[in-house]
Amino acid sequence: MVRRSKVESMEVENKRFLYRNIFLVGSLLHAGNSADYFKNRAQKLLVFYFLGSLRKEKDFIELYHKGKRIKKETFFAPRVPLIYHAFIYFWYVRLLIGHFNKKEKIYVITFHPLFFLFNSLIKQTRDISLVFWIADFLPKPPSFIYKIYQDLIFYYHKHNTINFYLGDKLNKLMNGKVINTATVRTVMWGIRLEKVKGIKKSKDVVLCFIGVVRKGHGLDLAFTLAKQHKEIHIKILGECEASLYQYYQELIHVYAIEKQVEFQNRFYTIKELPKEIASCTIGIALYNTSKKDPIYYTDPGKVKTYTQFGLPVIMTNTSEIVPFLQEFKAGEITNSTSESLYSKIKKINNNYKEYQQGVTKFNHYFEYGRYYDEAFVILRD
């Protein structure tokens, strides 16, 4: 029997991994399963989850070596917006220098322009390439700070080599036309295929909402529908600011739908979602359809979270994902009236198996292994 040398064994082992050194940094990394994708395909993966200045949970990192998590650590950062981002940048630099050496080629994947600051100085100590995965556009920035944020996105996009976009609308907005090359291309969220227990239709329909709750996310419409139809129930797996939560609690009381609505106003981890979603029937994404709304330009993570766990989707006619839902018949598109929403609910519930089959086809199209393998080929040095 021919024995491999230690060097040969290492070469064989390394061929199993498509990427060498990946540093994911951002608050949106729970969406799209990007961390899950890279941890089994990168020799070294460092994920820095900074969760935003409004979240109570501490920011944290996970370090993987050849598919095995070898470290998890939390970090302190004051929840005051500008001070918070200063701390985040400090931790970013410290993590980059502390976990990667001068000889390693590193791809830093981020959606936030913060991590482009002083990049020329950092490149003198580490061999890094920034991958700008642009996830949002604010047509009407709500404040001066947000305007600066928006301007920085355009500035660093113009001066960066590898740019990805969470939808063709963003791609066209940034480039004047849709470009799809190895270094400049649309990359939407990928889906991890789950073993989902068969959800069956029933007389009572449970509408599911996942994620951060904002006023423009259509819950008022869903509550109105629940008031009109007692067989409609709503399960909200997400959180919002205290004032908005209070507003919704008062609305629920006025509509007398307390027994039809479950809303604990808290964050749910990806591990909790399967159990919570198992009692739901349809996922809802009732966004504002204005072109002034950021959702119009992007791929909202909640839609693919619904389908990932087996739920057909009802959403308003906005976002990059609408044509795909229609093509695969993984859901229905509604307008912002309770009559339209109710008719779409009845249509899905009366043909539930057909829509479940559509969800399966939709999920296979965006399956992250196939989808990201093609999208991230430029990162394979």
Protein backbone atom coordinates (compact mmCIF):
# COMPACT_ATOMS: atom_id res chain seq x y z
CA MET A 1 0.00 0.00 0.00
CA VAL A 2 1.36 3.42 -0.98
CA ARG A 3 1.36 5.88 1.87
CA ARG A 4 0.92 9.58 1.21
CA SER A 5 3.45 11.98 2.63
CA LYS A 6 2.27 14.56 5.15
CA VAL A 7 2.45 17.29 2.50
CA GLU A 8 0.43 15.20 0.00
CA SER A 9 -2.22 14.48 2.66
CA MET A 10 -2.54 18.18 3.40
CA GLU A 11 -2.95 18.96 -0.30
CA VAL A 12 -5.72 16.37 -0.65
CA GLU A 13 -7.44 17.74 2.48
CA ASN A 14 -7.27 21.34 1.24
CA LYS A 15 -8.81 20.46 -2.13
CA ARG A 16 -12.07 19.79 -0.32
CA PHE A 17 -12.32 23.53 0.37
CA LEU A 18 -13.13 25.99 -2.41
CA TYR A 19 -11.92 29.05 -0.50
CA ARG A 20 -8.96 29.82 1.71
CA ASN A 21 -9.58 32.78 4.01
CA ILE A 22 -13.00 34.42 4.29
CA PHE A 23 -13.96 37.17 6.76
CA LEU A 24 -17.72 37.85 6.83
CA VAL A 25 -18.69 41.00 8.66
CA GLY A 26 -22.13 42.54 9.04
CA SER A 27 -25.54 42.43 10.72
CA LEU A 28 -27.35 40.66 7.85
CA LEU A 29 -25.31 37.50 7.85
CA HIS A 30 -28.09 35.42 9.43
CA ALA A 31 -30.04 35.99 6.21
CA GLY A 32 -29.09 34.09 3.09
CA ASN A 33 -27.18 31.34 4.93
CA SER A 34 -23.86 32.80 3.78
CA ALA A 35 -22.02 31.88 6.98
CA ASP A 36 -23.39 28.35 6.82
CA TYR A 37 -22.26 28.09 3.19
CA PHE A 38 -18.69 29.25 3.79
CA LYS A 39 -18.04 27.32 7.00
CA ASN A 40 -18.01 24.05 5.04
CA ARG A 41 -16.14 25.45 2.04
CA ALA A 42 -13.44 27.75 3.48
CA GLN A 43 -10.24 26.56 5.12
CA LYS A 44 -10.54 29.48 7.54
CA LEU A 45 -13.73 31.45 8.13
CA LEU A 46 -14.19 34.30 10.58
CA VAL A 47 -17.72 35.66 11.01
CA PHE A 48 -18.25 38.95 12.86
CA TYR A 49 -21.91 39.49 13.68
CA PHE A 50 -22.52 43.10 14.63
CA LEU A 51 -26.22 43.32 15.35
CA GLY A 52 -26.90 47.06 15.33
CA SER A 53 -27.09 49.79 17.95
CA LEU A 54 -30.74 49.05 18.83
CA ARG A 55 -30.24 45.38 19.72
CA LYS A 56 -29.71 44.26 23.31
CA GLU A 57 -27.70 41.16 22.43
CA LYS A 58 -23.91 41.44 22.38
CA ASP A 59 -22.06 41.34 19.08
CA PHE A 60 -20.05 38.18 18.60
CA ILE A 61 -17.66 36.25 16.36
CA GLU A 62 -17.41 32.65 15.24
CA LEU A 63 -14.13 31.22 13.96
CA TYR A 64 -14.11 28.07 11.82
CA HIS A 65 -11.14 26.01 10.66
CA LYS A 66 -11.84 23.46 7.92
CA GLY A 67 -15.52 23.26 8.80
CA LYS A 68 -15.15 23.04 12.59
CA ARG A 69 -16.02 25.92 14.88
CA ILE A 70 -13.05 26.45 17.14
CA LYS A 71 -14.03 29.73 18.78
CA LYS A 72 -17.04 31.84 19.72
CA GLU A 73 -16.62 35.13 21.55
CA THR A 74 -18.81 38.13 22.40
CA PHE A 75 -17.74 41.78 22.32
CA PHE A 76 -18.78 44.91 24.15
CA ALA A 77 -19.92 48.00 22.25
CA PRO A 78 -22.05 50.84 23.74
CA ARG A 79 -25.49 51.03 22.11
CA VAL A 80 -25.09 54.71 21.20
CA PRO A 81 -25.06 54.91 17.36
CA LEU A 82 -21.84 56.79 16.52
CA ILE A 83 -19.91 55.47 19.53
CA TYR A 84 -21.19 51.98 18.73
CA HIS A 85 -19.81 52.11 15.18
CA ALA A 86 -16.44 53.37 16.42
CA PHE A 87 -16.22 50.34 18.70
CA ILE A 88 -17.29 48.01 15.88
CA TYR A 89 -14.56 49.35 13.61
CA PHE A 90 -11.99 48.91 16.39
CA TRP A 91 -13.03 45.27 16.87
CA TYR A 92 -13.00 44.71 13.10
CA VAL A 93 -9.37 45.83 12.78
CA ARG A 94 -8.32 43.89 15.85
CA LEU A 95 -10.00 40.71 14.59
CA LEU A 96 -8.51 41.08 11.12
CA ILE A 97 -4.97 41.48 12.43
CA GLY A 98 -5.39 38.95 15.24
CA HIS A 99 -6.79 36.06 13.22
CA PHE A 100 -5.01 36.41 9.86
CA ASN A 101 -1.29 36.69 9.17
CA LYS A 102 0.65 38.69 6.57
CA LYS A 103 1.04 35.73 4.21
CA GLU A 104 -2.67 34.97 3.92
CA LYS A 105 -4.87 36.31 1.13
CA ILE A 106 -8.13 37.42 2.78
CA TYR A 107 -11.51 38.24 1.26
CA VAL A 108 -13.56 40.52 3.51
CA ILE A 109 -17.25 40.32 2.58
CA THR A 110 -19.41 43.12 3.95
CA PHE A 111 -22.49 45.20 3.15
CA HIS A 112 -21.44 48.21 5.25
CA PRO A 113 -19.20 51.08 3.99
CA LEU A 114 -17.73 51.48 7.49
CA PHE A 115 -15.16 48.77 6.79
CA PHE A 116 -13.66 50.60 3.82
CA LEU A 117 -12.28 53.32 6.08
CA PHE A 118 -8.46 53.46 6.17
CA ASN A 119 -8.36 50.44 3.87
CA SER A 120 -5.10 51.58 2.25
CA LEU A 121 -3.40 51.57 5.67
CA ILE A 122 -4.75 48.12 6.54
CA LYS A 123 -3.47 46.75 3.21
CA GLN A 124 0.06 47.59 4.34
CA THR A 125 -0.26 44.99 7.09
CA ARG A 126 -2.66 42.41 5.58
CA ASP A 127 -3.34 41.14 2.04
CA ILE A 128 -7.07 41.90 1.89
CA SER A 129 -9.65 42.37 -0.86
CA LEU A 130 -13.00 43.85 0.09
CA VAL A 131 -16.13 42.34 -1.40
CA PHE A 132 -18.91 44.91 -1.24
CA TRP A 133 -22.23 43.04 -1.08
CA ILE A 134 -24.65 45.95 -1.39
CA ALA A 135 -27.91 45.10 0.31
CA ASP A 136 -29.91 48.33 0.46
CA PHE A 137 -30.63 51.70 -1.04
CA LEU A 138 -32.41 54.58 0.69
CA PRO A 139 -34.16 56.69 -1.98
CA LYS A 140 -35.09 59.22 0.68
CA PRO A 141 -32.61 59.10 3.60
CA PRO A 142 -34.49 59.89 6.83
CA SER A 143 -31.64 61.91 8.36
CA PHE A 144 -28.30 63.55 7.63
CA ILE A 145 -26.46 60.52 9.06
CA TYR A 146 -28.30 58.19 6.70
CA LYS A 147 -27.48 60.49 3.79
CA ILE A 148 -23.79 60.20 4.64
CA TYR A 149 -24.20 56.42 4.84
CA GLN A 150 -25.82 56.40 1.40
CA ASP A 151 -23.13 58.64 -0.11
CA LEU A 152 -20.40 56.39 1.28
CA ILE A 153 -22.00 53.35 -0.36
CA PHE A 154 -21.84 55.05 -3.77
CA TYR A 155 -18.31 56.35 -3.18
CA TYR A 156 -16.75 53.05 -2.10
CA HIS A 157 -18.67 51.12 -4.72
CA LYS A 158 -17.09 53.30 -7.39
CA HIS A 159 -13.59 52.66 -6.03
CA ASN A 160 -13.96 48.95 -5.28
CA THR A 161 -13.18 46.02 -7.60
CA ILE A 162 -15.52 43.24 -6.41
CA ASN A 163 -19.12 44.38 -6.05
CA PHE A 164 -22.18 42.21 -5.52
CA TYR A 165 -25.81 43.37 -5.36
CA LEU A 166 -28.85 41.89 -3.64
CA GLY A 167 -30.95 42.42 -6.76
CA ASP A 168 -30.85 43.59 -10.38
CA LYS A 169 -32.46 46.92 -9.44
CA LEU A 170 -29.52 47.72 -7.17
CA ASN A 171 -27.14 46.49 -9.85
CA LYS A 172 -28.67 48.81 -12.44
CA LEU A 173 -28.88 51.71 -9.99
CA MET A 174 -25.17 51.51 -9.18
CA ASN A 175 -23.91 50.82 -12.72
CA GLY A 176 -26.45 52.39 -15.07
CA LYS A 177 -27.24 48.91 -16.41
CA VAL A 178 -27.30 45.35 -15.10
CA ILE A 179 -23.80 43.86 -15.15
CA ASN A 180 -23.07 40.20 -14.44
CA THR A 181 -19.37 39.39 -14.60
CA ALA A 182 -17.17 37.44 -12.18
CA THR A 183 -16.37 40.59 -10.18
CA VAL A 184 -19.55 42.65 -10.62
CA ARG A 185 -22.83 40.78 -10.40
CA THR A 186 -26.21 40.27 -8.77
CA VAL A 187 -26.10 37.81 -5.86
CA MET A 188 -29.40 37.32 -4.05
CA TRP A 189 -29.95 35.38 -0.84
CA GLY A 190 -29.33 31.64 -0.97
CA ILE A 191 -31.52 29.00 0.68
CA ARG A 192 -30.49 26.01 2.77
CA LEU A 193 -32.72 23.02 2.03
CA GLU A 194 -34.47 21.88 5.20
CA LYS A 195 -36.30 18.69 6.11
CA VAL A 196 -39.74 20.20 6.60
CA LYS A 197 -42.67 18.37 8.12
CA GLY A 198 -45.67 18.50 5.82
CA ILE A 199 -47.79 21.51 6.73
CA LYS A 200 -51.44 20.78 6.03
CA LYS A 201 -54.19 23.23 5.27
CA SER A 202 -56.92 23.68 7.86
CA LYS A 203 -59.98 25.79 8.44
CA ASP A 204 -57.99 28.14 10.65
CA VAL A 205 -55.17 29.87 8.79
CA VAL A 206 -52.09 31.06 10.69
CA LEU A 207 -50.25 33.90 8.96
CA CYS A 208 -46.57 34.11 9.88
CA PHE A 209 -44.45 37.26 10.06
CA ILE A 210 -40.70 36.96 10.67
CA GLY A 211 -38.11 39.63 11.38
CA VAL A 212 -37.84 43.25 12.45
CA VAL A 213 -41.27 44.89 12.64
CA ARG A 214 -41.68 48.35 11.13
CA LYS A 215 -44.75 50.46 10.45
CA GLY A 216 -44.51 49.91 6.69
CA HIS A 217 -44.55 46.11 6.94
CA GLY A 218 -48.32 45.76 6.66
CA LEU A 219 -49.30 44.39 10.06
CA ASP A 220 -52.15 46.91 10.26
CA LEU A 221 -53.64 45.25 7.17
CA ALA A 222 -53.19 41.77 8.67
CA PHE A 223 -54.88 42.86 11.91
CA THR A 224 -57.79 44.34 9.95
CA LEU A 225 -58.20 41.02 8.17
CA ALA A 226 -58.16 39.12 11.47
CA LYS A 227 -60.88 41.42 12.78
CA GLN A 228 -63.06 40.63 9.75
CA HIS A 229 -62.41 36.86 9.66
CA LYS A 230 -62.15 34.94 12.93
CA GLU A 231 -60.49 31.95 11.24
CA ILE A 232 -57.43 34.13 10.52
CA HIS A 233 -54.65 34.00 13.11
CA ILE A 234 -51.34 35.87 13.08
CA LYS A 235 -48.01 34.78 14.55
CA ILE A 236 -45.32 37.46 14.72
CA LEU A 237 -41.79 36.09 15.20
CA GLY A 238 -39.91 39.35 15.57
CA GLU A 239 -39.44 42.54 17.50
CA CYS A 240 -39.94 46.29 17.21
CA GLU A 241 -39.35 49.46 19.19
CA ALA A 242 -41.33 49.88 22.40
CA SER A 243 -43.55 52.67 21.05
CA LEU A 244 -44.59 50.68 17.98
CA TYR A 245 -45.20 47.58 20.09
CA GLN A 246 -47.47 49.59 22.35
CA TYR A 247 -49.34 50.91 19.31
CA TYR A 248 -49.94 47.38 18.03
CA GLN A 249 -51.03 46.11 21.44
CA GLU A 250 -53.64 48.87 21.60
CA LEU A 251 -54.79 48.09 18.05
CA ILE A 252 -55.11 44.40 18.85
CA HIS A 253 -57.21 45.28 21.91
CA VAL A 254 -59.47 47.68 19.99
CA TYR A 255 -60.03 45.05 17.28
CA ALA A 256 -60.69 42.41 19.97
CA ILE A 257 -58.33 39.92 18.30
CA GLU A 258 -56.15 39.06 21.31
CA LYS A 259 -56.93 35.35 20.92
CA GLN A 260 -55.97 35.46 17.23
CA VAL A 261 -52.58 37.20 17.54
CA GLU A 262 -49.34 35.94 19.07
CA PHE A 263 -46.76 38.71 19.43
CA GLN A 264 -44.08 38.41 22.12
CA ASN A 265 -41.89 41.17 20.68
CA ARG A 266 -38.58 39.33 20.78
CA PHE A 267 -35.86 38.04 18.49
CA TYR A 268 -36.02 34.40 17.40
CA THR A 269 -32.88 32.48 16.50
CA ILE A 270 -32.66 30.33 13.39
CA LYS A 271 -32.73 27.27 15.67
CA GLU A 272 -36.07 28.34 17.17
CA LEU A 273 -37.80 29.03 13.87
CA PRO A 274 -38.62 25.46 12.71
CA LYS A 275 -40.68 24.72 15.82
CA GLU A 276 -42.43 28.11 15.71
CA ILE A 277 -43.19 27.98 11.99
CA ALA A 278 -44.54 24.42 12.19
CA SER A 279 -47.90 25.77 13.40
CA CYS A 280 -48.14 28.36 10.59
CA THR A 281 -49.80 28.16 7.18
CA ILE A 282 -48.62 31.09 5.04
CA GLY A 283 -45.81 33.65 5.33
CA ILE A 284 -46.70 37.31 4.75
CA ALA A 285 -44.55 40.18 3.44
CA LEU A 286 -46.98 43.09 3.05
CA TYR A 287 -44.48 45.81 2.24
CA ASN A 288 -45.09 49.35 1.10
CA THR A 289 -44.90 49.20 -2.71
CA SER A 290 -43.51 52.70 -3.26
CA LYS A 291 -40.24 53.07 -5.17
CA LYS A 292 -39.18 55.29 -2.27
CA ASP A 293 -39.17 52.25 0.01
CA PRO A 294 -35.80 50.41 0.30
CA ILE A 295 -37.50 47.00 -0.10
CA TYR A 296 -38.30 47.84 -3.74
CA TYR A 297 -34.60 47.52 -4.62
CA THR A 298 -33.60 44.41 -2.75
CA ASP A 299 -34.25 40.78 -1.79
CA PRO A 300 -35.90 40.70 1.68
CA GLY A 301 -34.57 37.88 3.81
CA LYS A 302 -37.91 37.00 5.39
CA VAL A 303 -39.43 35.72 2.12
CA LYS A 304 -36.77 33.05 1.69
CA THR A 305 -36.91 32.22 5.38
CA TYR A 306 -40.60 31.40 4.93
CA THR A 307 -39.98 29.15 1.93
CA GLN A 308 -36.90 27.58 3.52
CA PHE A 309 -39.18 26.21 6.23
CA GLY A 310 -41.94 25.19 3.83
CA LEU A 311 -44.38 28.11 3.83
CA PRO A 312 -45.96 29.57 0.69
CA VAL A 313 -45.78 33.37 0.66
CA ILE A 314 -48.19 36.23 0.11
CA MET A 315 -46.48 39.53 -0.57
CA THR A 316 -47.17 42.89 -2.14
CA ASN A 317 -45.89 43.71 -5.62
CA THR A 318 -42.45 45.01 -4.73
CA SER A 319 -38.91 43.66 -4.34
CA GLU A 320 -36.70 41.62 -6.66
CA ILE A 321 -38.13 38.32 -5.49
CA VAL A 322 -41.69 38.76 -6.81
CA PRO A 323 -41.05 37.39 -10.35
CA PHE A 324 -39.47 34.24 -8.88
CA LEU A 325 -42.41 33.58 -6.56
CA GLN A 326 -44.71 33.92 -9.56
CA GLU A 327 -42.57 31.78 -11.86
CA PHE A 328 -42.39 28.84 -9.45
CA LYS A 329 -45.89 29.41 -8.02
CA ALA A 330 -44.46 29.53 -4.51
CA GLY A 331 -46.93 32.19 -3.43
CA GLU A 332 -49.32 34.94 -4.44
CA ILE A 333 -49.06 38.69 -4.96
CA THR A 334 -51.65 40.90 -3.27
CA ASN A 335 -52.49 44.59 -3.19
CA SER A 336 -52.91 46.54 0.04
CA THR A 337 -56.57 45.72 0.69
CA SER A 338 -58.04 43.18 3.06
CA GLU A 339 -60.29 41.85 0.26
CA SER A 340 -57.33 41.05 -1.99
CA LEU A 341 -55.33 39.55 0.85
CA TYR A 342 -58.21 37.32 1.93
CA SER A 343 -58.78 36.07 -1.63
CA LYS A 344 -55.10 35.13 -1.95
CA ILE A 345 -55.22 33.30 1.38
CA LYS A 346 -58.23 31.28 0.24
CA LYS A 347 -56.58 30.52 -3.11
CA ILE A 348 -53.45 29.14 -1.46
CA ASN A 349 -55.31 27.25 1.25
CA ASN A 350 -57.61 25.59 -1.30
CA ASN A 351 -54.63 24.46 -3.43
CA TYR A 352 -52.07 23.97 -0.70
CA LYS A 353 -50.20 20.97 -2.09
CA GLU A 354 -49.68 22.74 -5.40
CA TYR A 355 -48.12 25.74 -3.66
CA GLN A 356 -45.96 23.48 -1.50
CA GLN A 357 -44.60 21.95 -4.70
CA GLY A 358 -43.90 25.47 -5.96
CA VAL A 359 -42.04 26.28 -2.75
CA THR A 360 -39.88 23.17 -3.26
CA LYS A 361 -38.97 24.26 -6.81
CA PHE A 362 -38.26 27.81 -5.63
CA ASN A 363 -35.98 26.54 -2.86
CA HIS A 364 -34.03 24.26 -5.21
CA TYR A 365 -33.40 27.16 -7.57
CA PHE A 366 -31.85 29.26 -4.79
CA GLU A 367 -30.18 26.35 -2.97
CA TYR A 368 -27.07 27.98 -1.59
CA GLY A 369 -24.59 25.28 -2.61
CA ARG A 370 -25.32 25.55 -6.32
CA TYR A 371 -26.21 29.24 -6.27
CA TYR A 372 -23.22 30.54 -4.27
CA ASP A 373 -20.73 28.17 -5.91
CA GLU A 374 -21.41 29.99 -9.16
CA ALA A 375 -21.71 33.47 -7.67
CA PHE A 376 -18.53 33.44 -5.57
CA VAL A 377 -16.17 31.75 -8.03
CA ILE A 378 -13.95 34.87 -8.11
CA LEU A 379 -13.08 34.32 -4.43
CA ARG A 380 -11.32 31.01 -5.10
CA ASP A 381 -7.64 31.90 -5.05
